[in-house]
N, C-alpha and C. Protein backbone atom coordinates (compact mmCIF):
# COMPACT_ATOMS: atom_id res chain seq x y z
N ASP A 1 115.96 45.77 128.49
CA ASP A 1 114.77 44.94 128.44
C ASP A 1 114.16 44.83 129.84
N ALA A 2 112.82 44.85 129.89
CA ALA A 2 112.07 44.62 131.14
C ALA A 2 112.58 45.46 132.30
N THR A 3 112.72 46.76 132.08
CA THR A 3 113.24 47.63 133.14
C THR A 3 112.24 48.66 133.65
N ALA A 4 111.18 48.94 132.91
CA ALA A 4 110.25 50.01 133.28
C ALA A 4 108.92 49.44 133.75
N ASP A 5 108.34 50.12 134.72
CA ASP A 5 107.00 49.75 135.20
C ASP A 5 105.91 50.48 134.42
N VAL A 6 106.21 51.69 133.97
CA VAL A 6 105.21 52.52 133.29
C VAL A 6 105.89 53.33 132.19
N ILE A 7 105.20 53.46 131.08
CA ILE A 7 105.61 54.38 130.01
C ILE A 7 104.45 55.33 129.80
N ILE A 8 104.75 56.63 129.87
CA ILE A 8 103.72 57.63 129.58
C ILE A 8 104.18 58.47 128.40
N SER A 9 103.23 58.95 127.64
CA SER A 9 103.54 59.78 126.48
C SER A 9 102.38 60.74 126.26
N ASN A 10 102.72 61.95 125.86
CA ASN A 10 101.71 62.95 125.59
C ASN A 10 101.89 63.48 124.17
N CYS A 11 101.10 62.94 123.27
CA CYS A 11 100.99 63.47 121.91
C CYS A 11 102.29 63.44 121.11
N VAL A 12 103.01 62.32 121.12
CA VAL A 12 104.20 62.23 120.27
C VAL A 12 104.24 60.97 119.42
N ILE A 13 103.47 59.95 119.76
CA ILE A 13 103.50 58.71 118.97
C ILE A 13 103.06 58.99 117.54
N ASN A 14 102.09 59.89 117.37
CA ASN A 14 101.62 60.16 116.01
C ASN A 14 102.68 60.86 115.15
N LEU A 15 103.77 61.34 115.76
CA LEU A 15 104.86 61.94 114.98
C LEU A 15 105.79 60.88 114.39
N SER A 16 105.72 59.66 114.89
CA SER A 16 106.62 58.62 114.42
C SER A 16 106.12 58.02 113.11
N PRO A 17 107.03 57.88 112.13
CA PRO A 17 106.62 57.21 110.89
C PRO A 17 106.54 55.69 111.05
N ASP A 18 107.05 55.15 112.17
CA ASP A 18 107.02 53.71 112.39
C ASP A 18 106.42 53.41 113.77
N LYS A 19 105.13 53.61 113.88
CA LYS A 19 104.43 53.43 115.15
C LYS A 19 104.53 51.98 115.65
N ARG A 20 104.52 51.04 114.74
CA ARG A 20 104.65 49.63 115.13
C ARG A 20 105.93 49.41 115.94
N GLN A 21 107.02 49.98 115.46
CA GLN A 21 108.29 49.83 116.15
C GLN A 21 108.26 50.53 117.51
N VAL A 22 107.61 51.66 117.60
CA VAL A 22 107.47 52.36 118.88
C VAL A 22 106.80 51.45 119.90
N PHE A 23 105.72 50.78 119.48
CA PHE A 23 105.01 49.91 120.42
C PHE A 23 105.81 48.65 120.74
N HIS A 24 106.55 48.13 119.79
CA HIS A 24 107.41 46.97 120.06
C HIS A 24 108.50 47.34 121.07
N GLU A 25 109.08 48.51 120.91
CA GLU A 25 110.12 48.95 121.86
C GLU A 25 109.53 49.22 123.24
N ALA A 26 108.35 49.79 123.29
CA ALA A 26 107.69 50.02 124.57
C ALA A 26 107.45 48.68 125.27
N PHE A 27 106.97 47.70 124.52
CA PHE A 27 106.72 46.37 125.09
C PHE A 27 108.02 45.76 125.61
N ARG A 28 109.09 45.91 124.85
CA ARG A 28 110.39 45.34 125.21
C ARG A 28 110.90 45.89 126.54
N VAL A 29 110.77 47.19 126.75
CA VAL A 29 111.36 47.78 127.96
C VAL A 29 110.47 47.66 129.20
N LEU A 30 109.19 47.35 129.00
CA LEU A 30 108.31 47.18 130.16
C LEU A 30 108.53 45.83 130.84
N ARG A 31 108.42 45.84 132.15
CA ARG A 31 108.42 44.60 132.92
C ARG A 31 107.06 43.93 132.74
N PRO A 32 106.95 42.64 132.99
CA PRO A 32 105.64 42.00 132.99
C PRO A 32 104.72 42.73 133.99
N GLY A 33 103.51 43.01 133.54
CA GLY A 33 102.58 43.80 134.35
C GLY A 33 102.74 45.29 134.15
N GLY A 34 103.75 45.70 133.36
CA GLY A 34 103.99 47.11 133.11
C GLY A 34 102.88 47.72 132.27
N ARG A 35 102.71 49.03 132.45
CA ARG A 35 101.59 49.73 131.83
C ARG A 35 102.07 50.79 130.85
N LEU A 36 101.32 50.93 129.78
CA LEU A 36 101.51 51.97 128.78
C LEU A 36 100.34 52.93 128.92
N ALA A 37 100.60 54.23 129.04
CA ALA A 37 99.54 55.23 129.17
C ALA A 37 99.88 56.41 128.26
N ILE A 38 99.07 56.61 127.25
CA ILE A 38 99.34 57.62 126.22
C ILE A 38 98.12 58.52 126.05
N SER A 39 98.39 59.78 125.85
CA SER A 39 97.39 60.70 125.35
C SER A 39 97.88 61.12 123.97
N ASP A 40 97.04 60.96 122.96
CA ASP A 40 97.49 61.28 121.61
C ASP A 40 96.29 61.61 120.74
N VAL A 41 96.58 62.11 119.55
CA VAL A 41 95.55 62.37 118.55
C VAL A 41 95.39 61.11 117.72
N VAL A 42 94.15 60.71 117.50
CA VAL A 42 93.85 59.51 116.72
C VAL A 42 92.89 59.88 115.59
N ALA A 43 92.92 59.09 114.53
CA ALA A 43 92.01 59.28 113.41
C ALA A 43 90.79 58.39 113.58
N THR A 44 89.62 58.96 113.38
CA THR A 44 88.39 58.18 113.45
C THR A 44 87.99 57.67 112.07
N THR A 45 88.55 58.28 111.05
CA THR A 45 88.37 57.87 109.67
C THR A 45 89.64 58.26 108.92
N GLU A 46 89.89 57.62 107.79
CA GLU A 46 91.12 57.86 107.04
C GLU A 46 91.25 59.34 106.66
N LEU A 47 92.41 59.91 106.94
CA LEU A 47 92.68 61.30 106.55
C LEU A 47 92.94 61.39 105.06
N PRO A 48 92.40 62.40 104.40
CA PRO A 48 92.72 62.59 102.98
C PRO A 48 94.22 62.89 102.83
N GLN A 49 94.78 62.54 101.70
CA GLN A 49 96.21 62.72 101.46
C GLN A 49 96.64 64.17 101.63
N GLU A 50 95.81 65.11 101.18
CA GLU A 50 96.19 66.52 101.30
C GLU A 50 96.33 66.94 102.77
N MET A 51 95.57 66.31 103.66
CA MET A 51 95.72 66.59 105.09
C MET A 51 97.00 65.93 105.62
N ARG A 52 97.30 64.73 105.16
CA ARG A 52 98.54 64.05 105.58
C ARG A 52 99.78 64.82 105.14
N ASP A 53 99.66 65.55 104.03
CA ASP A 53 100.79 66.30 103.49
C ASP A 53 100.83 67.75 103.99
N ASP A 54 99.86 68.17 104.76
CA ASP A 54 99.76 69.57 105.21
C ASP A 54 100.79 69.85 106.31
N PRO A 55 101.74 70.76 106.07
CA PRO A 55 102.77 71.04 107.07
C PRO A 55 102.20 71.59 108.38
N VAL A 56 101.11 72.32 108.32
CA VAL A 56 100.49 72.84 109.55
C VAL A 56 99.96 71.69 110.38
N LEU A 57 99.35 70.71 109.74
CA LEU A 57 98.83 69.56 110.47
C LEU A 57 99.97 68.67 110.98
N HIS A 58 101.08 68.65 110.27
CA HIS A 58 102.26 67.91 110.78
C HIS A 58 102.79 68.59 112.03
N SER A 59 103.01 69.89 111.94
CA SER A 59 103.58 70.60 113.09
C SER A 59 102.60 70.64 114.27
N GLY A 60 101.32 70.47 113.99
CA GLY A 60 100.31 70.44 115.05
C GLY A 60 100.02 69.04 115.56
N CYS A 61 100.88 68.08 115.19
CA CYS A 61 100.76 66.69 115.67
C CYS A 61 99.45 66.02 115.26
N MET A 62 98.97 66.34 114.06
CA MET A 62 97.71 65.77 113.62
C MET A 62 97.83 64.91 112.37
N ALA A 63 98.70 65.27 111.43
CA ALA A 63 98.76 64.59 110.14
C ALA A 63 99.20 63.14 110.25
N GLY A 64 99.92 62.78 111.29
CA GLY A 64 100.41 61.41 111.44
C GLY A 64 99.53 60.53 112.30
N ALA A 65 98.34 60.99 112.63
CA ALA A 65 97.45 60.21 113.48
C ALA A 65 97.03 58.92 112.80
N ALA A 66 97.05 57.83 113.56
CA ALA A 66 96.63 56.52 113.04
C ALA A 66 95.16 56.28 113.38
N LEU A 67 94.54 55.44 112.59
CA LEU A 67 93.16 55.02 112.87
C LEU A 67 93.12 54.25 114.19
N VAL A 68 92.04 54.42 114.93
CA VAL A 68 91.88 53.75 116.21
C VAL A 68 92.06 52.25 116.07
N GLU A 69 91.43 51.65 115.06
CA GLU A 69 91.53 50.19 114.89
C GLU A 69 92.95 49.76 114.52
N ASP A 70 93.67 50.62 113.79
CA ASP A 70 95.07 50.30 113.46
C ASP A 70 95.95 50.35 114.72
N LEU A 71 95.70 51.33 115.58
CA LEU A 71 96.46 51.41 116.83
C LEU A 71 96.24 50.16 117.67
N GLU A 72 94.99 49.74 117.78
CA GLU A 72 94.70 48.54 118.56
C GLU A 72 95.42 47.32 117.97
N SER A 73 95.41 47.22 116.66
CA SER A 73 96.09 46.11 115.99
C SER A 73 97.60 46.16 116.24
N MET A 74 98.19 47.34 116.19
CA MET A 74 99.63 47.48 116.44
C MET A 74 99.98 47.10 117.87
N LEU A 75 99.15 47.52 118.81
CA LEU A 75 99.40 47.19 120.22
C LEU A 75 99.30 45.68 120.45
N ARG A 76 98.30 45.05 119.86
CA ARG A 76 98.16 43.59 119.99
C ARG A 76 99.35 42.86 119.35
N ALA A 77 99.76 43.32 118.17
CA ALA A 77 100.89 42.70 117.49
C ALA A 77 102.18 42.84 118.29
N ALA A 78 102.30 43.90 119.06
CA ALA A 78 103.48 44.10 119.91
C ALA A 78 103.45 43.19 121.13
N GLY A 79 102.25 42.66 121.46
CA GLY A 79 102.13 41.75 122.60
C GLY A 79 101.30 42.27 123.74
N PHE A 80 100.80 43.49 123.64
CA PHE A 80 100.04 44.09 124.73
C PHE A 80 98.67 43.46 124.89
N GLY A 81 98.16 43.51 126.10
CA GLY A 81 96.81 43.09 126.44
C GLY A 81 96.11 44.22 127.17
N GLU A 82 94.88 43.97 127.57
CA GLU A 82 94.07 44.96 128.29
C GLU A 82 94.13 46.33 127.60
N ILE A 83 93.96 46.31 126.30
CA ILE A 83 94.05 47.53 125.49
C ILE A 83 92.75 48.32 125.61
N ARG A 84 92.90 49.61 125.91
CA ARG A 84 91.76 50.52 125.98
C ARG A 84 92.11 51.79 125.23
N ILE A 85 91.33 52.09 124.21
CA ILE A 85 91.50 53.34 123.47
C ILE A 85 90.19 54.09 123.60
N ALA A 86 90.26 55.26 124.23
CA ALA A 86 89.05 56.03 124.53
C ALA A 86 89.12 57.40 123.85
N PRO A 87 88.57 57.51 122.62
CA PRO A 87 88.50 58.82 121.97
C PRO A 87 87.60 59.76 122.76
N LYS A 88 87.95 61.03 122.74
CA LYS A 88 87.19 62.05 123.48
C LYS A 88 86.46 62.94 122.47
N ASP A 89 85.15 62.71 122.30
CA ASP A 89 84.37 63.50 121.35
C ASP A 89 84.46 64.99 121.63
N GLU A 90 84.57 65.35 122.91
CA GLU A 90 84.62 66.76 123.28
C GLU A 90 85.89 67.46 122.78
N SER A 91 86.85 66.70 122.27
CA SER A 91 88.10 67.30 121.78
C SER A 91 87.96 67.87 120.37
N ARG A 92 86.84 67.63 119.70
CA ARG A 92 86.68 68.14 118.32
C ARG A 92 86.84 69.67 118.26
N GLU A 93 86.26 70.36 119.23
CA GLU A 93 86.35 71.82 119.25
C GLU A 93 87.79 72.28 119.40
N LEU A 94 88.53 71.61 120.26
CA LEU A 94 89.94 71.93 120.45
C LEU A 94 90.73 71.70 119.17
N ILE A 95 90.48 70.58 118.50
CA ILE A 95 91.18 70.28 117.25
C ILE A 95 90.81 71.29 116.17
N ARG A 96 89.57 71.72 116.14
CA ARG A 96 89.15 72.76 115.19
C ARG A 96 89.96 74.04 115.43
N ASP A 97 90.19 74.37 116.71
CA ASP A 97 90.98 75.56 117.05
C ASP A 97 92.45 75.41 116.68
N TRP A 98 92.98 74.18 116.71
CA TRP A 98 94.38 73.94 116.35
C TRP A 98 94.62 74.18 114.86
N ALA A 99 93.61 73.89 114.05
CA ALA A 99 93.77 73.98 112.59
C ALA A 99 92.51 74.59 111.98
N PRO A 100 92.27 75.88 112.23
CA PRO A 100 91.04 76.51 111.76
C PRO A 100 90.88 76.40 110.24
N GLY A 101 89.66 76.07 109.83
CA GLY A 101 89.34 76.03 108.41
C GLY A 101 89.84 74.82 107.64
N ARG A 102 90.50 73.90 108.30
CA ARG A 102 91.05 72.73 107.60
C ARG A 102 90.14 71.50 107.71
N GLY A 103 89.19 71.52 108.62
CA GLY A 103 88.27 70.39 108.77
C GLY A 103 88.85 69.20 109.50
N ALA A 104 89.97 69.38 110.18
CA ALA A 104 90.62 68.26 110.88
C ALA A 104 89.71 67.64 111.93
N GLU A 105 88.83 68.44 112.51
CA GLU A 105 87.93 67.93 113.54
C GLU A 105 86.95 66.88 113.01
N ASN A 106 86.82 66.78 111.70
CA ASN A 106 85.96 65.77 111.09
C ASN A 106 86.64 64.40 111.01
N TYR A 107 87.95 64.37 111.27
CA TYR A 107 88.74 63.15 111.12
C TYR A 107 89.47 62.73 112.40
N LEU A 108 89.70 63.69 113.29
CA LEU A 108 90.60 63.47 114.41
C LEU A 108 89.95 63.74 115.76
N LEU A 109 90.44 63.02 116.76
CA LEU A 109 90.04 63.24 118.15
C LEU A 109 91.25 63.01 119.04
N SER A 110 91.22 63.60 120.19
CA SER A 110 92.18 63.26 121.22
C SER A 110 91.69 61.95 121.87
N ALA A 111 92.63 61.14 122.33
CA ALA A 111 92.24 59.87 122.97
C ALA A 111 93.25 59.48 124.03
N THR A 112 92.77 58.72 125.00
CA THR A 112 93.69 58.06 125.93
C THR A 112 93.85 56.64 125.43
N ILE A 113 95.10 56.18 125.47
CA ILE A 113 95.45 54.85 124.98
C ILE A 113 96.18 54.15 126.11
N GLU A 114 95.64 53.02 126.55
CA GLU A 114 96.24 52.29 127.66
C GLU A 114 96.39 50.83 127.26
N ALA A 115 97.46 50.21 127.78
CA ALA A 115 97.69 48.79 127.52
C ALA A 115 98.61 48.25 128.61
N VAL A 116 98.60 46.92 128.76
CA VAL A 116 99.40 46.27 129.81
C VAL A 116 100.22 45.16 129.16
N LYS A 117 101.47 45.04 129.61
CA LYS A 117 102.30 43.91 129.19
C LYS A 117 101.96 42.72 130.09
N PRO A 118 101.46 41.63 129.51
CA PRO A 118 101.10 40.47 130.35
C PRO A 118 102.29 39.91 131.11
């Protein structure tokens, strides 16, 4: 508990089936004033079930993406403040290249996610 100053992550939170618990554990191990800095894929709109079940989108770290508003809610519920989630519109082309012909770029973006433990 309260041992880390910073937690960084690059595109793995969306692989967790229990993102709420990931954020609660991150909050637990951070010291007061500690920072969370994540780069991950986020959903801008609900993914259709067939996309959530697509093994290519799972292996490409896309099928488990949470909605931006859900991520913010999870971070707040874990106790974080100063939450900033910044989707990158320019990432649509990259996402299209990750999963050609699947239309994932219509639902997903890369984003930076930052929060602070008060």
